[in-house]
Amino acid sequence: MRRLLVLKVALALSVVGSAALAAGCTAEAKQEPAPLTVTRSDTRDKNLLKSVVPIKAAPDVGNGYVASLVGATFSKSTGDVFKDIQVVGMGLSKQDFDDAVQRGMDFGFKNGVDKETEKKDAYLTLYMKYRLTGAGGQRDSVIPATDISAVDDQGAKLDLIHVSNKDKYIDGNYPYGVLIFKTFNDAKSVRLDLNGTTYLINVDQLKKR
C-alpha cells in the first residue's frame, strides 16, 4: 500500500513537472518578438538609382553606427553568371572598383562551387545606409557587424553571396553597403536576421509596378 502511494505521488509530480515545463516553453515562445516589417518608402535616397525600390524599416543599431535599409531589388537570374554580375548590385550612384571586382569573384565562386546556390534562380539585393554615431566622424569609423542570415516563406535558406562592407570601415563620405542573396524566384516573403534584428520583407512589393 505504501509503495503504491509513493508511485501515485511520483506520477502526480511528474505530470505537474511536465505541465510546468510545457507552460515554460510556451511562455518562452511567446516572448519572441515579431519581426519588423519592411515597407516601400515614398522617399528615395539621393544615391539610389531608379532601378532600386526605396524601402524603410526600423534601423539596426550597432556598435558605433546605425544601419538603415534604404533600398532593395528582387530579380530573376538570367541563367548566365557573367550577365548577372553586370546587373545585380549595381543600384548605387557610385560604383567602387574594388567592390565590383570582389562581387564578380563572389558570384563566380558561389555559383561555381556550391550546387545549391547554383540551383537558385533569383537575387535579393539590399542597400544599406550607415550613420556613424561617434563624435569624431571618420576618425571613429567602425567595421559594421555582418552576422546575417535569411530564410524564405517556404523555409529555404537564402545564400548570402556578397557583402560589400565585409572587413571594411564605413566610409563617412559615402556610407553605403550592399548585401546580395541568391534565392528562389517563387519566394513570397523573406525573414532577414541582421545582427540580431529580424525583418520581414514582402517580395511582391519589390517587383516593379
C-alpha atoms as a PDB file:
ATOM      1  CA  MET A   1       0.000   0.000   0.000  1.00  0.00           C
ATOM      2  CA  ARG A   2       2.782   2.382   0.943  1.00  0.00           C
ATOM      3  CA  ARG A   3       4.676   1.615  -2.274  1.00  0.00           C
ATOM      4  CA  LEU A   4       1.504   2.274  -4.291  1.00  0.00           C
ATOM      5  CA  LEU A   5       1.064   5.641  -2.574  1.00  0.00           C
ATOM      6  CA  VAL A   6       4.660   6.617  -3.364  1.00  0.00           C
ATOM      7  CA  LEU A   7       4.165   5.668  -7.013  1.00  0.00           C
ATOM      8  CA  LYS A   8       0.990   7.769  -7.200  1.00  0.00           C
ATOM      9  CA  VAL A   9       2.754  10.788  -5.699  1.00  0.00           C
ATOM     10  CA  ALA A  10       5.710  10.402  -8.089  1.00  0.00           C
ATOM     11  CA  LEU A  11       3.351  10.144 -11.052  1.00  0.00           C
ATOM     12  CA  ALA A  12       1.469  13.244  -9.948  1.00  0.00           C
ATOM     13  CA  LEU A  13       4.695  15.224  -9.551  1.00  0.00           C
ATOM     14  CA  SER A  14       5.837  14.038 -12.974  1.00  0.00           C
ATOM     15  CA  VAL A  15       2.593  15.258 -14.573  1.00  0.00           C
ATOM     16  CA  VAL A  16       2.843  18.614 -12.791  1.00  0.00           C
ATOM     17  CA  GLY A  17       6.506  18.964 -13.810  1.00  0.00           C
ATOM     18  CA  SER A  18       5.735  18.194 -17.463  1.00  0.00           C
ATOM     19  CA  ALA A  19       2.885  20.691 -17.462  1.00  0.00           C
ATOM     20  CA  ALA A  20       5.110  23.353 -15.934  1.00  0.00           C
ATOM     21  CA  LEU A  21       7.844  22.644 -18.471  1.00  0.00           C
ATOM     22  CA  ALA A  22       5.358  22.870 -21.337  1.00  0.00           C
ATOM     23  CA  ALA A  23       3.988  26.116 -19.950  1.00  0.00           C
ATOM     24  CA  GLY A  24       7.523  27.470 -19.634  1.00  0.00           C
ATOM     25  CA  CYS A  25       8.333  26.559 -23.241  1.00  0.00           C
ATOM     26  CA  THR A  26       5.103  28.175 -24.401  1.00  0.00           C
ATOM     27  CA  ALA A  27       5.914  31.324 -22.465  1.00  0.00           C
ATOM     28  CA  GLU A  28       9.388  31.439 -23.973  1.00  0.00           C
ATOM     29  CA  ALA A  29       7.952  31.017 -27.474  1.00  0.00           C
ATOM     30  CA  LYS A  30       5.506  33.843 -26.859  1.00  0.00           C
ATOM     31  CA  GLN A  31       8.323  36.135 -25.762  1.00  0.00           C
ATOM     32  CA  GLU A  32       9.979  36.027 -29.207  1.00  0.00           C
ATOM     33  CA  PRO A  33       9.394  39.474 -30.734  1.00  0.00           C
ATOM     34  CA  ALA A  34       7.596  39.797 -34.034  1.00  0.00           C
ATOM     35  CA  PRO A  35       9.830  40.735 -36.987  1.00  0.00           C
ATOM     36  CA  LEU A  36       9.981  44.370 -38.059  1.00  0.00           C
ATOM     37  CA  THR A  37       8.071  44.971 -41.274  1.00  0.00           C
ATOM     38  CA  VAL A  38       9.890  46.389 -44.280  1.00  0.00           C
ATOM     39  CA  THR A  39       7.685  48.613 -46.437  1.00  0.00           C
ATOM     40  CA  ARG A  40       8.047  50.641 -49.608  1.00  0.00           C
ATOM     41  CA  SER A  41       9.073  54.220 -48.980  1.00  0.00           C
ATOM     42  CA  ASP A  42       7.698  57.327 -50.674  1.00  0.00           C
ATOM     43  CA  THR A  43      11.119  58.932 -50.322  1.00  0.00           C
ATOM     44  CA  ARG A  44      14.078  57.770 -52.404  1.00  0.00           C
ATOM     45  CA  ASP A  45      17.604  58.145 -51.072  1.00  0.00           C
ATOM     46  CA  LYS A  46      19.508  60.500 -53.371  1.00  0.00           C
ATOM     47  CA  ASN A  47      22.151  57.880 -54.170  1.00  0.00           C
ATOM     48  CA  LEU A  48      19.757  55.096 -55.167  1.00  0.00           C
ATOM     49  CA  LEU A  49      19.187  54.557 -58.881  1.00  0.00           C
ATOM     50  CA  LYS A  50      15.635  54.312 -60.215  1.00  0.00           C
ATOM     51  CA  SER A  51      16.038  50.571 -60.725  1.00  0.00           C
ATOM     52  CA  VAL A  52      16.008  50.153 -56.923  1.00  0.00           C
ATOM     53  CA  VAL A  53      12.797  50.079 -54.878  1.00  0.00           C
ATOM     54  CA  PRO A  54      13.068  52.531 -51.959  1.00  0.00           C
ATOM     55  CA  ILE A  55      12.212  50.862 -48.641  1.00  0.00           C
ATOM     56  CA  LYS A  56      12.064  51.751 -44.972  1.00  0.00           C
ATOM     57  CA  ALA A  57      12.156  49.952 -41.638  1.00  0.00           C
ATOM     58  CA  ALA A  58      13.320  50.485 -38.086  1.00  0.00           C
ATOM     59  CA  PRO A  59      17.144  50.765 -38.091  1.00  0.00           C
ATOM     60  CA  ASP A  60      19.641  48.233 -36.781  1.00  0.00           C
ATOM     61  CA  VAL A  61      21.731  49.864 -34.049  1.00  0.00           C
ATOM     62  CA  GLY A  62      25.306  48.596 -33.990  1.00  0.00           C
ATOM     63  CA  ASN A  63      28.442  49.437 -32.044  1.00  0.00           C
ATOM     64  CA  GLY A  64      29.346  52.937 -33.237  1.00  0.00           C
ATOM     65  CA  TYR A  65      26.850  53.102 -36.082  1.00  0.00           C
ATOM     66  CA  VAL A  66      23.197  52.909 -37.090  1.00  0.00           C
ATOM     67  CA  ALA A  67      22.291  50.908 -40.208  1.00  0.00           C
ATOM     68  CA  SER A  68      19.112  51.532 -42.200  1.00  0.00           C
ATOM     69  CA  LEU A  69      17.612  49.548 -45.055  1.00  0.00           C
ATOM     70  CA  VAL A  70      17.007  52.118 -47.798  1.00  0.00           C
ATOM     71  CA  GLY A  71      16.555  50.102 -50.987  1.00  0.00           C
ATOM     72  CA  ALA A  72      16.051  46.646 -52.443  1.00  0.00           C
ATOM     73  CA  THR A  73      15.613  44.711 -55.669  1.00  0.00           C
ATOM     74  CA  PHE A  74      14.330  41.221 -56.369  1.00  0.00           C
ATOM     75  CA  SER A  75      15.328  39.946 -59.779  1.00  0.00           C
ATOM     76  CA  LYS A  76      15.255  36.660 -61.657  1.00  0.00           C
ATOM     77  CA  SER A  77      18.627  35.278 -62.720  1.00  0.00           C
ATOM     78  CA  THR A  78      19.411  35.301 -66.436  1.00  0.00           C
ATOM     79  CA  GLY A  79      20.965  31.881 -66.050  1.00  0.00           C
ATOM     80  CA  ASP A  80      24.333  33.355 -67.013  1.00  0.00           C
ATOM     81  CA  VAL A  81      26.516  34.397 -64.067  1.00  0.00           C
ATOM     82  CA  PHE A  82      28.516  36.843 -66.171  1.00  0.00           C
ATOM     83  CA  LYS A  83      25.342  38.641 -67.268  1.00  0.00           C
ATOM     84  CA  ASP A  84      24.022  38.668 -63.695  1.00  0.00           C
ATOM     85  CA  ILE A  85      27.214  40.325 -62.434  1.00  0.00           C
ATOM     86  CA  GLN A  86      26.649  43.283 -64.757  1.00  0.00           C
ATOM     87  CA  VAL A  87      23.181  43.997 -63.351  1.00  0.00           C
ATOM     88  CA  VAL A  88      22.779  42.708 -59.789  1.00  0.00           C
ATOM     89  CA  GLY A  89      24.036  45.020 -57.044  1.00  0.00           C
ATOM     90  CA  MET A  90      24.506  47.993 -59.363  1.00  0.00           C
ATOM     91  CA  GLY A  91      21.876  50.230 -57.781  1.00  0.00           C
ATOM     92  CA  LEU A  92      24.060  52.962 -56.254  1.00  0.00           C
ATOM     93  CA  SER A  93      25.076  56.204 -57.952  1.00  0.00           C
ATOM     94  CA  LYS A  94      28.746  55.485 -57.246  1.00  0.00           C
ATOM     95  CA  GLN A  95      30.422  52.180 -58.011  1.00  0.00           C
ATOM     96  CA  ASP A  96      33.530  51.113 -56.134  1.00  0.00           C
ATOM     97  CA  PHE A  97      36.020  49.371 -58.429  1.00  0.00           C
ATOM     98  CA  ASP A  98      37.438  47.102 -55.710  1.00  0.00           C
ATOM     99  CA  ASP A  99      33.944  46.076 -54.646  1.00  0.00           C
ATOM    100  CA  ALA A 100      32.956  45.363 -58.263  1.00  0.00           C
ATOM    101  CA  VAL A 101      35.949  43.037 -58.603  1.00  0.00           C
ATOM    102  CA  GLN A 102      35.107  41.307 -55.317  1.00  0.00           C
ATOM    103  CA  ARG A 103      31.449  40.981 -56.327  1.00  0.00           C
ATOM    104  CA  GLY A 104      32.457  39.268 -59.557  1.00  0.00           C
ATOM    105  CA  MET A 105      34.694  36.852 -57.659  1.00  0.00           C
ATOM    106  CA  ASP A 106      31.937  36.114 -55.130  1.00  0.00           C
ATOM    107  CA  PHE A 107      29.376  35.435 -57.872  1.00  0.00           C
ATOM    108  CA  GLY A 108      31.720  33.135 -59.768  1.00  0.00           C
ATOM    109  CA  PHE A 109      32.890  31.257 -56.678  1.00  0.00           C
ATOM    110  CA  LYS A 110      29.494  30.736 -55.040  1.00  0.00           C
ATOM    111  CA  ASN A 111      27.705  29.693 -58.235  1.00  0.00           C
ATOM    112  CA  GLY A 112      30.600  27.538 -59.409  1.00  0.00           C
ATOM    113  CA  VAL A 113      31.372  25.670 -56.182  1.00  0.00           C
ATOM    114  CA  ASP A 114      28.039  25.408 -54.371  1.00  0.00           C
ATOM    115  CA  LYS A 115      25.456  23.454 -56.386  1.00  0.00           C
ATOM    116  CA  GLU A 116      22.649  24.505 -54.025  1.00  0.00           C
ATOM    117  CA  THR A 117      23.471  28.150 -54.751  1.00  0.00           C
ATOM    118  CA  GLU A 118      23.645  27.469 -58.474  1.00  0.00           C
ATOM    119  CA  LYS A 119      20.205  25.844 -58.295  1.00  0.00           C
ATOM    120  CA  LYS A 120      18.540  29.027 -57.023  1.00  0.00           C
ATOM    121  CA  ASP A 121      17.128  31.285 -59.737  1.00  0.00           C
ATOM    122  CA  ALA A 122      16.749  34.804 -58.283  1.00  0.00           C
ATOM    123  CA  TYR A 123      18.610  37.514 -56.374  1.00  0.00           C
ATOM    124  CA  LEU A 124      17.547  39.661 -53.438  1.00  0.00           C
ATOM    125  CA  THR A 125      19.732  42.757 -53.154  1.00  0.00           C
ATOM    126  CA  LEU A 126      19.533  45.038 -50.116  1.00  0.00           C
ATOM    127  CA  TYR A 127      21.047  48.508 -49.916  1.00  0.00           C
ATOM    128  CA  MET A 128      22.136  49.790 -46.519  1.00  0.00           C
ATOM    129  CA  LYS A 129      22.920  53.306 -45.381  1.00  0.00           C
ATOM    130  CA  TYR A 130      25.086  53.805 -42.307  1.00  0.00           C
ATOM    131  CA  ARG A 131      25.357  56.677 -39.870  1.00  0.00           C
ATOM    132  CA  LEU A 132      28.396  56.883 -37.631  1.00  0.00           C
ATOM    133  CA  THR A 133      27.482  57.749 -34.053  1.00  0.00           C
ATOM    134  CA  GLY A 134      30.949  58.712 -32.812  1.00  0.00           C
ATOM    135  CA  ALA A 135      31.751  62.392 -32.308  1.00  0.00           C
ATOM    136  CA  GLY A 136      34.982  62.095 -34.294  1.00  0.00           C
ATOM    137  CA  GLY A 137      33.402  61.394 -37.678  1.00  0.00           C
ATOM    138  CA  GLN A 138      35.599  59.272 -39.935  1.00  0.00           C
ATOM    139  CA  ARG A 139      38.168  59.014 -37.133  1.00  0.00           C
ATOM    140  CA  ASP A 140      35.577  56.995 -35.200  1.00  0.00           C
ATOM    141  CA  SER A 141      34.585  54.835 -38.173  1.00  0.00           C
ATOM    142  CA  VAL A 142      33.954  51.162 -37.487  1.00  0.00           C
ATOM    143  CA  ILE A 143      33.611  47.924 -39.415  1.00  0.00           C
ATOM    144  CA  PRO A 144      29.913  47.002 -39.328  1.00  0.00           C
ATOM    145  CA  ALA A 145      28.878  43.612 -37.996  1.00  0.00           C
ATOM    146  CA  THR A 146      27.988  41.003 -40.600  1.00  0.00           C
ATOM    147  CA  ASP A 147      26.022  38.394 -38.662  1.00  0.00           C
ATOM    148  CA  ILE A 148      23.436  37.982 -41.395  1.00  0.00           C
ATOM    149  CA  SER A 149      21.046  35.200 -42.405  1.00  0.00           C
ATOM    150  CA  ALA A 150      17.707  34.873 -44.186  1.00  0.00           C
ATOM    151  CA  VAL A 151      15.015  32.279 -44.981  1.00  0.00           C
ATOM    152  CA  ASP A 152      12.046  32.453 -47.326  1.00  0.00           C
ATOM    153  CA  ASP A 153       8.388  31.687 -46.617  1.00  0.00           C
ATOM    154  CA  GLN A 154       8.910  28.027 -47.533  1.00  0.00           C
ATOM    155  CA  GLY A 155      11.789  27.602 -45.098  1.00  0.00           C
ATOM    156  CA  ALA A 156      14.587  27.633 -47.674  1.00  0.00           C
ATOM    157  CA  LYS A 157      17.761  29.391 -46.584  1.00  0.00           C
ATOM    158  CA  LEU A 158      18.946  32.254 -48.770  1.00  0.00           C
ATOM    159  CA  ASP A 159      22.609  32.154 -49.758  1.00  0.00           C
ATOM    160  CA  LEU A 160      24.475  35.346 -48.872  1.00  0.00           C
ATOM    161  CA  ILE A 161      26.916  35.650 -51.763  1.00  0.00           C
ATOM    162  CA  HIS A 162      28.223  39.207 -51.344  1.00  0.00           C
ATOM    163  CA  VAL A 163      28.679  41.735 -48.529  1.00  0.00           C
ATOM    164  CA  SER A 164      30.275  44.956 -49.765  1.00  0.00           C
ATOM    165  CA  ASN A 165      31.247  46.098 -46.250  1.00  0.00           C
ATOM    166  CA  LYS A 166      32.842  42.868 -45.144  1.00  0.00           C
ATOM    167  CA  ASP A 167      36.024  43.714 -43.207  1.00  0.00           C
ATOM    168  CA  LYS A 168      35.803  47.345 -44.376  1.00  0.00           C
ATOM    169  CA  TYR A 169      35.431  50.541 -42.379  1.00  0.00           C
ATOM    170  CA  ILE A 170      32.353  52.650 -43.096  1.00  0.00           C
ATOM    171  CA  ASP A 171      33.149  55.497 -45.483  1.00  0.00           C
ATOM    172  CA  GLY A 172      31.700  58.598 -43.831  1.00  0.00           C
ATOM    173  CA  ASN A 173      31.580  60.406 -47.185  1.00  0.00           C
ATOM    174  CA  TYR A 174      29.630  57.626 -48.885  1.00  0.00           C
ATOM    175  CA  PRO A 175      28.231  55.417 -46.111  1.00  0.00           C
ATOM    176  CA  TYR A 176      26.518  52.676 -48.086  1.00  0.00           C
ATOM    177  CA  GLY A 177      26.641  48.907 -48.172  1.00  0.00           C
ATOM    178  CA  VAL A 178      25.214  46.199 -50.420  1.00  0.00           C
ATOM    179  CA  LEU A 179      24.028  42.706 -49.440  1.00  0.00           C
ATOM    180  CA  ILE A 180      23.292  40.211 -52.210  1.00  0.00           C
ATOM    181  CA  PHE A 181      21.444  36.931 -51.602  1.00  0.00           C
ATOM    182  CA  LYS A 182      20.592  34.169 -54.020  1.00  0.00           C
ATOM    183  CA  THR A 183      17.144  32.690 -53.557  1.00  0.00           C
ATOM    184  CA  PHE A 184      14.195  31.157 -55.389  1.00  0.00           C
ATOM    185  CA  ASN A 185      12.063  33.263 -57.712  1.00  0.00           C
ATOM    186  CA  ASP A 186       8.804  31.875 -56.277  1.00  0.00           C
ATOM    187  CA  ALA A 187       9.544  33.194 -52.771  1.00  0.00           C
ATOM    188  CA  LYS A 188       6.694  35.305 -51.388  1.00  0.00           C
ATOM    189  CA  SER A 189       8.464  36.742 -48.357  1.00  0.00           C
ATOM    190  CA  VAL A 190      11.850  36.714 -46.673  1.00  0.00           C
ATOM    191  CA  ARG A 191      12.697  36.744 -42.973  1.00  0.00           C
ATOM    192  CA  LEU A 192      16.008  38.567 -42.567  1.00  0.00           C
ATOM    193  CA  ASP A 193      18.133  38.429 -39.416  1.00  0.00           C
ATOM    194  CA  LEU A 194      20.519  41.370 -39.396  1.00  0.00           C
ATOM    195  CA  ASN A 195      22.864  41.260 -36.405  1.00  0.00           C
ATOM    196  CA  GLY A 196      20.058  40.159 -34.108  1.00  0.00           C
ATOM    197  CA  THR A 197      17.352  42.411 -35.557  1.00  0.00           C
ATOM    198  CA  THR A 198      14.712  40.471 -37.509  1.00  0.00           C
ATOM    199  CA  TYR A 199      12.882  41.928 -40.520  1.00  0.00           C
ATOM    200  CA  LEU A 200      10.046  40.604 -42.673  1.00  0.00           C
ATOM    201  CA  ILE A 201      10.299  41.519 -46.350  1.00  0.00           C
ATOM    202  CA  ASN A 202       7.331  41.065 -48.679  1.00  0.00           C
ATOM    203  CA  VAL A 203       8.924  40.142 -52.001  1.00  0.00           C
ATOM    204  CA  ASP A 204       5.911  41.251 -54.066  1.00  0.00           C
ATOM    205  CA  GLN A 205       6.455  44.873 -53.045  1.00  0.00           C
ATOM    206  CA  LEU A 206       9.928  44.760 -54.595  1.00  0.00           C
ATOM    207  CA  LYS A 207       8.646  43.813 -58.013  1.00  0.00           C
ATOM    208  CA  LYS A 208       8.274  46.666 -60.479  1.00  0.00           C
ATOM    209  CA  ARG A 209       4.805  48.135 -60.855  1.00  0.00           C
END
